[in-house]
Amino acid sequence: MIYGIGTDICDVRRIAATLERQGERFPRKVLSDAEFAIWQARSARWPKRGVSYLATRFSAKEAFSKAIGMGMRMPMTWRLCEIANLRSGKPVIVLHGALKEWFEGEGLTAHVTVTDETDYAASFVVVEKA
């Protein structure tokens, strides 16, 4: 049974402007430690891909927060929700701490997809209840 659906579209230029103003403070707030390491590596090699990576993660977390119906309030936080990729490249949601405990306690599973083009990143999340 579908518990919730969330979608988000993000202007990559807005993320770039925020990154320029705030520097690493913004990605440190939004990304998990594992995501931050990937963002740093991509940004060092391909700065535009680093911004796109940050935008897709931001968008996916926004979509996830909408799908669970909480917005950004506890137990939902930016850093407790991680968007990882399987070896195949398929994006998956990995939860940590209190958010993981709540999510599993509710018997929920999540599916996520992300995409980006030059100026936009978009995400779609479906959360199911067993």
N, C-alpha and C. Protein backbone atom coordinates (compact mmCIF):
# COMPACT_ATOMS: atom_id res chain seq x y z
N MET A 1 0.83 -1.17 0.00
CA MET A 1 0.00 0.00 0.00
C MET A 1 0.89 1.25 0.00
N ILE A 2 0.53 2.23 -0.81
CA ILE A 2 1.31 3.47 -0.87
C ILE A 2 1.04 4.30 0.38
N TYR A 3 2.10 4.66 1.06
CA TYR A 3 2.04 5.49 2.26
C TYR A 3 2.14 6.96 1.88
N GLY A 4 3.01 7.25 0.89
CA GLY A 4 3.17 8.63 0.47
C GLY A 4 3.99 8.74 -0.80
N ILE A 5 3.80 9.85 -1.49
CA ILE A 5 4.54 10.15 -2.72
C ILE A 5 5.10 11.55 -2.58
N GLY A 6 6.34 11.72 -3.00
CA GLY A 6 6.95 13.05 -2.96
C GLY A 6 7.72 13.31 -4.24
N THR A 7 7.68 14.55 -4.68
CA THR A 7 8.46 14.95 -5.84
C THR A 7 9.08 16.31 -5.57
N ASP A 8 10.19 16.59 -6.22
CA ASP A 8 10.84 17.88 -6.06
C ASP A 8 11.64 18.19 -7.31
N ILE A 9 11.66 19.45 -7.67
CA ILE A 9 12.52 19.93 -8.74
C ILE A 9 13.35 21.07 -8.17
N CYS A 10 14.60 21.08 -8.52
CA CYS A 10 15.55 22.02 -7.94
C CYS A 10 16.32 22.72 -9.05
N ASP A 11 16.45 24.02 -8.94
CA ASP A 11 17.23 24.80 -9.90
C ASP A 11 18.71 24.68 -9.52
N VAL A 12 19.49 24.05 -10.36
CA VAL A 12 20.91 23.82 -10.08
C VAL A 12 21.64 25.15 -9.91
N ARG A 13 21.21 26.18 -10.61
CA ARG A 13 21.83 27.50 -10.48
C ARG A 13 21.64 28.07 -9.08
N ARG A 14 20.49 27.79 -8.47
CA ARG A 14 20.24 28.24 -7.10
C ARG A 14 21.18 27.53 -6.12
N ILE A 15 21.39 26.25 -6.34
CA ILE A 15 22.32 25.49 -5.50
C ILE A 15 23.73 26.04 -5.66
N ALA A 16 24.12 26.33 -6.91
CA ALA A 16 25.45 26.90 -7.17
C ALA A 16 25.62 28.24 -6.47
N ALA A 17 24.59 29.07 -6.50
CA ALA A 17 24.66 30.38 -5.84
C ALA A 17 24.78 30.23 -4.32
N THR A 18 24.03 29.29 -3.75
CA THR A 18 24.10 29.03 -2.31
C THR A 18 25.49 28.52 -1.95
N LEU A 19 26.02 27.63 -2.76
CA LEU A 19 27.35 27.09 -2.54
C LEU A 19 28.40 28.19 -2.60
N GLU A 20 28.24 29.11 -3.53
CA GLU A 20 29.18 30.23 -3.65
C GLU A 20 29.12 31.12 -2.41
N ARG A 21 27.92 31.36 -1.90
CA ARG A 21 27.75 32.22 -0.71
C ARG A 21 28.23 31.54 0.56
N GLN A 22 27.89 30.27 0.72
CA GLN A 22 28.13 29.60 1.99
C GLN A 22 29.34 28.68 2.00
N GLY A 23 29.89 28.39 0.83
CA GLY A 23 31.02 27.47 0.78
C GLY A 23 30.62 26.08 1.27
N GLU A 24 31.54 25.39 1.91
CA GLU A 24 31.30 24.01 2.34
C GLU A 24 30.26 23.89 3.44
N ARG A 25 29.88 25.00 4.06
CA ARG A 25 28.87 24.95 5.11
C ARG A 25 27.55 24.34 4.60
N PHE A 26 27.15 24.70 3.38
CA PHE A 26 25.89 24.18 2.82
C PHE A 26 25.94 22.67 2.58
N PRO A 27 26.93 22.14 1.85
CA PRO A 27 26.96 20.69 1.68
C PRO A 27 27.15 19.93 3.00
N ARG A 28 27.86 20.49 3.95
CA ARG A 28 28.02 19.83 5.26
C ARG A 28 26.68 19.73 5.98
N LYS A 29 25.80 20.70 5.76
CA LYS A 29 24.48 20.69 6.38
C LYS A 29 23.55 19.66 5.72
N VAL A 30 23.66 19.53 4.39
CA VAL A 30 22.71 18.73 3.61
C VAL A 30 23.17 17.29 3.40
N LEU A 31 24.46 17.04 3.30
CA LEU A 31 24.98 15.73 2.93
C LEU A 31 25.44 14.91 4.13
N SER A 32 25.24 13.60 4.04
CA SER A 32 25.82 12.69 5.03
C SER A 32 27.33 12.68 4.82
N ASP A 33 28.06 12.06 5.72
CA ASP A 33 29.53 11.99 5.58
C ASP A 33 29.93 11.29 4.28
N ALA A 34 29.25 10.19 3.96
CA ALA A 34 29.57 9.45 2.72
C ALA A 34 29.26 10.30 1.49
N GLU A 35 28.12 10.98 1.48
CA GLU A 35 27.76 11.85 0.36
C GLU A 35 28.75 13.00 0.23
N PHE A 36 29.17 13.54 1.37
CA PHE A 36 30.10 14.67 1.36
C PHE A 36 31.42 14.27 0.71
N ALA A 37 31.90 13.07 1.01
CA ALA A 37 33.16 12.59 0.41
C ALA A 37 33.01 12.47 -1.11
N ILE A 38 31.89 11.96 -1.57
CA ILE A 38 31.65 11.85 -3.02
C ILE A 38 31.57 13.24 -3.63
N TRP A 39 30.84 14.15 -2.98
CA TRP A 39 30.72 15.53 -3.47
C TRP A 39 32.10 16.19 -3.60
N GLN A 40 32.95 16.02 -2.59
CA GLN A 40 34.30 16.61 -2.64
C GLN A 40 35.10 16.06 -3.83
N ALA A 41 35.05 14.75 -4.02
CA ALA A 41 35.80 14.13 -5.11
C ALA A 41 35.30 14.61 -6.46
N ARG A 42 33.98 14.64 -6.64
CA ARG A 42 33.43 15.10 -7.92
C ARG A 42 33.73 16.58 -8.15
N SER A 43 33.59 17.37 -7.10
CA SER A 43 33.83 18.81 -7.23
C SER A 43 35.28 19.11 -7.59
N ALA A 44 36.20 18.33 -7.06
CA ALA A 44 37.61 18.54 -7.35
C ALA A 44 37.92 18.22 -8.82
N ARG A 45 37.28 17.19 -9.33
CA ARG A 45 37.56 16.77 -10.69
C ARG A 45 36.70 17.49 -11.73
N TRP A 46 35.39 17.59 -11.46
CA TRP A 46 34.44 18.25 -12.37
C TRP A 46 33.53 19.14 -11.54
N PRO A 47 33.87 20.41 -11.33
CA PRO A 47 33.08 21.28 -10.46
C PRO A 47 31.58 21.31 -10.78
N LYS A 48 31.22 21.32 -12.05
CA LYS A 48 29.79 21.35 -12.41
C LYS A 48 29.08 20.06 -12.00
N ARG A 49 29.76 18.93 -12.12
CA ARG A 49 29.18 17.66 -11.70
C ARG A 49 29.01 17.63 -10.17
N GLY A 50 29.91 18.28 -9.46
CA GLY A 50 29.78 18.37 -8.01
C GLY A 50 28.53 19.13 -7.63
N VAL A 51 28.26 20.24 -8.33
CA VAL A 51 27.05 21.02 -8.06
C VAL A 51 25.81 20.21 -8.42
N SER A 52 25.84 19.51 -9.53
CA SER A 52 24.70 18.67 -9.91
C SER A 52 24.46 17.56 -8.89
N TYR A 53 25.52 16.96 -8.41
CA TYR A 53 25.40 15.91 -7.39
C TYR A 53 24.72 16.47 -6.14
N LEU A 54 25.17 17.64 -5.70
CA LEU A 54 24.58 18.28 -4.53
C LEU A 54 23.10 18.59 -4.77
N ALA A 55 22.78 19.07 -5.94
CA ALA A 55 21.39 19.40 -6.28
C ALA A 55 20.50 18.15 -6.30
N THR A 56 20.99 17.04 -6.84
CA THR A 56 20.16 15.83 -6.87
C THR A 56 19.93 15.30 -5.47
N ARG A 57 20.93 15.36 -4.62
CA ARG A 57 20.76 14.88 -3.24
C ARG A 57 19.79 15.78 -2.48
N PHE A 58 19.91 17.09 -2.65
CA PHE A 58 19.00 18.04 -2.03
C PHE A 58 17.56 17.75 -2.48
N SER A 59 17.37 17.59 -3.77
CA SER A 59 16.05 17.33 -4.34
C SER A 59 15.47 16.01 -3.83
N ALA A 60 16.27 14.97 -3.79
CA ALA A 60 15.77 13.66 -3.35
C ALA A 60 15.37 13.68 -1.88
N LYS A 61 16.12 14.39 -1.07
CA LYS A 61 15.78 14.47 0.36
C LYS A 61 14.51 15.29 0.57
N GLU A 62 14.33 16.33 -0.22
CA GLU A 62 13.08 17.09 -0.18
C GLU A 62 11.90 16.20 -0.57
N ALA A 63 12.06 15.44 -1.65
CA ALA A 63 10.99 14.54 -2.10
C ALA A 63 10.69 13.48 -1.04
N PHE A 64 11.71 12.94 -0.41
CA PHE A 64 11.52 11.93 0.63
C PHE A 64 10.76 12.53 1.81
N SER A 65 11.14 13.74 2.22
CA SER A 65 10.46 14.36 3.36
C SER A 65 8.98 14.59 3.05
N LYS A 66 8.67 14.89 1.81
CA LYS A 66 7.26 15.06 1.40
C LYS A 66 6.53 13.71 1.41
N ALA A 67 7.21 12.67 0.94
CA ALA A 67 6.58 11.34 0.87
C ALA A 67 6.25 10.79 2.25
N ILE A 68 7.07 11.10 3.26
CA ILE A 68 6.77 10.61 4.61
C ILE A 68 5.88 11.60 5.36
N GLY A 69 5.62 12.75 4.75
CA GLY A 69 4.67 13.70 5.32
C GLY A 69 5.16 14.51 6.49
N MET A 70 6.48 14.66 6.62
CA MET A 70 7.04 15.36 7.77
C MET A 70 7.66 16.71 7.45
N GLY A 71 8.06 16.89 6.22
CA GLY A 71 8.89 18.06 5.96
C GLY A 71 10.21 17.86 6.67
N MET A 72 10.88 18.94 7.00
CA MET A 72 12.18 18.84 7.67
C MET A 72 12.03 19.06 9.18
N ARG A 73 11.37 18.10 9.82
CA ARG A 73 11.30 18.14 11.28
C ARG A 73 11.56 16.74 11.81
N MET A 74 12.04 16.67 13.01
CA MET A 74 12.46 15.41 13.60
C MET A 74 11.38 14.34 13.48
N PRO A 75 11.77 13.13 13.18
CA PRO A 75 13.15 12.66 13.08
C PRO A 75 13.80 12.91 11.72
N MET A 76 13.12 13.57 10.79
CA MET A 76 13.69 13.82 9.46
C MET A 76 14.69 14.96 9.54
N THR A 77 15.92 14.65 9.17
CA THR A 77 16.95 15.69 9.04
C THR A 77 17.74 15.40 7.77
N TRP A 78 18.39 16.41 7.27
CA TRP A 78 19.17 16.26 6.03
C TRP A 78 20.19 15.13 6.15
N ARG A 79 20.94 15.11 7.23
CA ARG A 79 22.08 14.19 7.33
C ARG A 79 21.68 12.77 7.71
N LEU A 80 20.47 12.57 8.24
CA LEU A 80 20.02 11.22 8.57
C LEU A 80 19.44 10.49 7.37
N CYS A 81 19.22 11.23 6.29
CA CYS A 81 18.71 10.65 5.05
C CYS A 81 19.83 10.73 4.01
N GLU A 82 20.24 9.60 3.52
CA GLU A 82 21.34 9.53 2.55
C GLU A 82 20.84 8.93 1.24
N ILE A 83 21.27 9.51 0.14
CA ILE A 83 20.93 8.97 -1.17
C ILE A 83 22.21 8.34 -1.71
N ALA A 84 22.21 7.03 -1.78
CA ALA A 84 23.38 6.27 -2.24
C ALA A 84 23.04 5.65 -3.60
N ASN A 85 24.00 4.97 -4.17
CA ASN A 85 23.78 4.27 -5.44
C ASN A 85 24.27 2.84 -5.31
N LEU A 86 23.46 1.92 -5.83
CA LEU A 86 23.90 0.53 -5.94
C LEU A 86 24.97 0.45 -7.02
N ARG A 87 25.64 -0.69 -7.10
CA ARG A 87 26.66 -0.88 -8.15
C ARG A 87 26.10 -0.61 -9.55
N SER A 88 24.84 -0.92 -9.74
CA SER A 88 24.19 -0.73 -11.03
C SER A 88 23.95 0.75 -11.34
N GLY A 89 24.06 1.60 -10.32
CA GLY A 89 23.78 3.02 -10.48
C GLY A 89 22.42 3.42 -9.93
N LYS A 90 21.58 2.43 -9.63
CA LYS A 90 20.24 2.72 -9.11
C LYS A 90 20.36 3.47 -7.78
N PRO A 91 19.65 4.61 -7.67
CA PRO A 91 19.69 5.33 -6.39
C PRO A 91 18.82 4.64 -5.34
N VAL A 92 19.28 4.68 -4.10
CA VAL A 92 18.55 4.10 -2.98
C VAL A 92 18.63 5.06 -1.79
N ILE A 93 17.63 4.96 -0.93
CA ILE A 93 17.62 5.78 0.28
C ILE A 93 18.16 4.95 1.43
N VAL A 94 19.16 5.49 2.11
CA VAL A 94 19.76 4.85 3.27
C VAL A 94 19.51 5.79 4.45
N LEU A 95 18.85 5.27 5.47
CA LEU A 95 18.50 6.09 6.63
C LEU A 95 19.39 5.75 7.82
N HIS A 96 19.53 6.72 8.71
CA HIS A 96 20.39 6.57 9.88
C HIS A 96 19.66 7.04 11.13
N GLY A 97 20.14 6.57 12.28
CA GLY A 97 19.71 7.08 13.58
C GLY A 97 18.21 7.01 13.82
N ALA A 98 17.69 8.08 14.42
CA ALA A 98 16.27 8.14 14.81
C ALA A 98 15.34 8.03 13.61
N LEU A 99 15.76 8.55 12.47
CA LEU A 99 14.93 8.46 11.27
C LEU A 99 14.79 7.00 10.82
N LYS A 100 15.89 6.27 10.85
CA LYS A 100 15.86 4.85 10.47
C LYS A 100 14.97 4.07 11.44
N GLU A 101 15.11 4.33 12.73
CA GLU A 101 14.30 3.63 13.73
C GLU A 101 12.81 3.91 13.51
N TRP A 102 12.45 5.17 13.30
CA TRP A 102 11.05 5.52 13.07
C TRP A 102 10.53 4.85 11.80
N PHE A 103 11.29 4.94 10.71
CA PHE A 103 10.89 4.41 9.41
C PHE A 103 10.65 2.91 9.48
N GLU A 104 11.61 2.20 10.06
CA GLU A 104 11.48 0.74 10.19
C GLU A 104 10.34 0.38 11.14
N GLY A 105 10.16 1.16 12.20
CA GLY A 105 9.08 0.93 13.16
C GLY A 105 7.70 1.07 12.52
N GLU A 106 7.60 1.92 11.52
CA GLU A 106 6.35 2.11 10.80
C GLU A 106 6.15 1.05 9.71
N GLY A 107 7.17 0.22 9.46
CA GLY A 107 7.09 -0.82 8.43
C GLY A 107 7.11 -0.25 7.02
N LEU A 108 7.92 0.78 6.82
CA LEU A 108 7.95 1.47 5.53
C LEU A 108 9.14 1.06 4.68
N THR A 109 8.98 1.15 3.37
CA THR A 109 10.07 1.00 2.41
C THR A 109 9.97 2.17 1.44
N ALA A 110 11.10 2.53 0.84
CA ALA A 110 11.10 3.69 -0.06
C ALA A 110 11.79 3.36 -1.37
N HIS A 111 11.32 4.03 -2.41
CA HIS A 111 11.90 3.93 -3.75
C HIS A 111 12.16 5.36 -4.22
N VAL A 112 13.31 5.58 -4.83
CA VAL A 112 13.67 6.93 -5.26
C VAL A 112 14.26 6.90 -6.66
N THR A 113 14.00 7.96 -7.40
CA THR A 113 14.68 8.17 -8.67
C THR A 113 15.10 9.63 -8.73
N VAL A 114 16.25 9.88 -9.33
CA VAL A 114 16.76 11.24 -9.47
C VAL A 114 17.22 11.44 -10.91
N THR A 115 17.17 12.68 -11.34
CA THR A 115 17.67 13.01 -12.67
C THR A 115 18.14 14.45 -12.65
N ASP A 116 19.04 14.78 -13.56
CA ASP A 116 19.45 16.17 -13.67
C ASP A 116 19.79 16.49 -15.12
N GLU A 117 19.54 17.72 -15.45
CA GLU A 117 19.92 18.30 -16.73
C GLU A 117 20.74 19.53 -16.40
N THR A 118 21.08 20.32 -17.39
CA THR A 118 21.95 21.46 -17.18
C THR A 118 21.49 22.36 -16.04
N ASP A 119 20.22 22.75 -16.03
CA ASP A 119 19.75 23.73 -15.06
C ASP A 119 18.87 23.17 -13.95
N TYR A 120 18.46 21.90 -14.05
CA TYR A 120 17.51 21.37 -13.07
C TYR A 120 17.87 19.97 -12.60
N ALA A 121 17.51 19.70 -11.35
CA ALA A 121 17.59 18.35 -10.78
C ALA A 121 16.19 18.03 -10.29
N ALA A 122 15.74 16.80 -10.50
CA ALA A 122 14.40 16.41 -10.07
C ALA A 122 14.45 15.03 -9.44
N SER A 123 13.51 14.82 -8.53
CA SER A 123 13.44 13.55 -7.80
C SER A 123 12.00 13.15 -7.59
N PHE A 124 11.80 11.85 -7.48
CA PHE A 124 10.49 11.29 -7.22
C PHE A 124 10.67 10.15 -6.22
N VAL A 125 9.88 10.15 -5.16
CA VAL A 125 9.96 9.13 -4.11
C VAL A 125 8.58 8.53 -3.87
N VAL A 126 8.54 7.21 -3.77
CA VAL A 126 7.34 6.50 -3.37
C VAL A 126 7.69 5.75 -2.09
N VAL A 127 6.86 5.93 -1.05
CA VAL A 127 7.04 5.21 0.20
C VAL A 127 5.86 4.26 0.35
N GLU A 128 6.18 3.00 0.64
CA GLU A 128 5.16 1.96 0.80
C GLU A 128 5.11 1.48 2.24
N LYS A 129 3.93 1.07 2.66
CA LYS A 129 3.75 0.45 3.97
C LYS A 129 3.40 -1.01 3.73
N ALA A 130 4.12 -1.88 4.41
CA ALA A 130 3.91 -3.33 4.24
C ALA A 130 2.52 -3.76 4.65
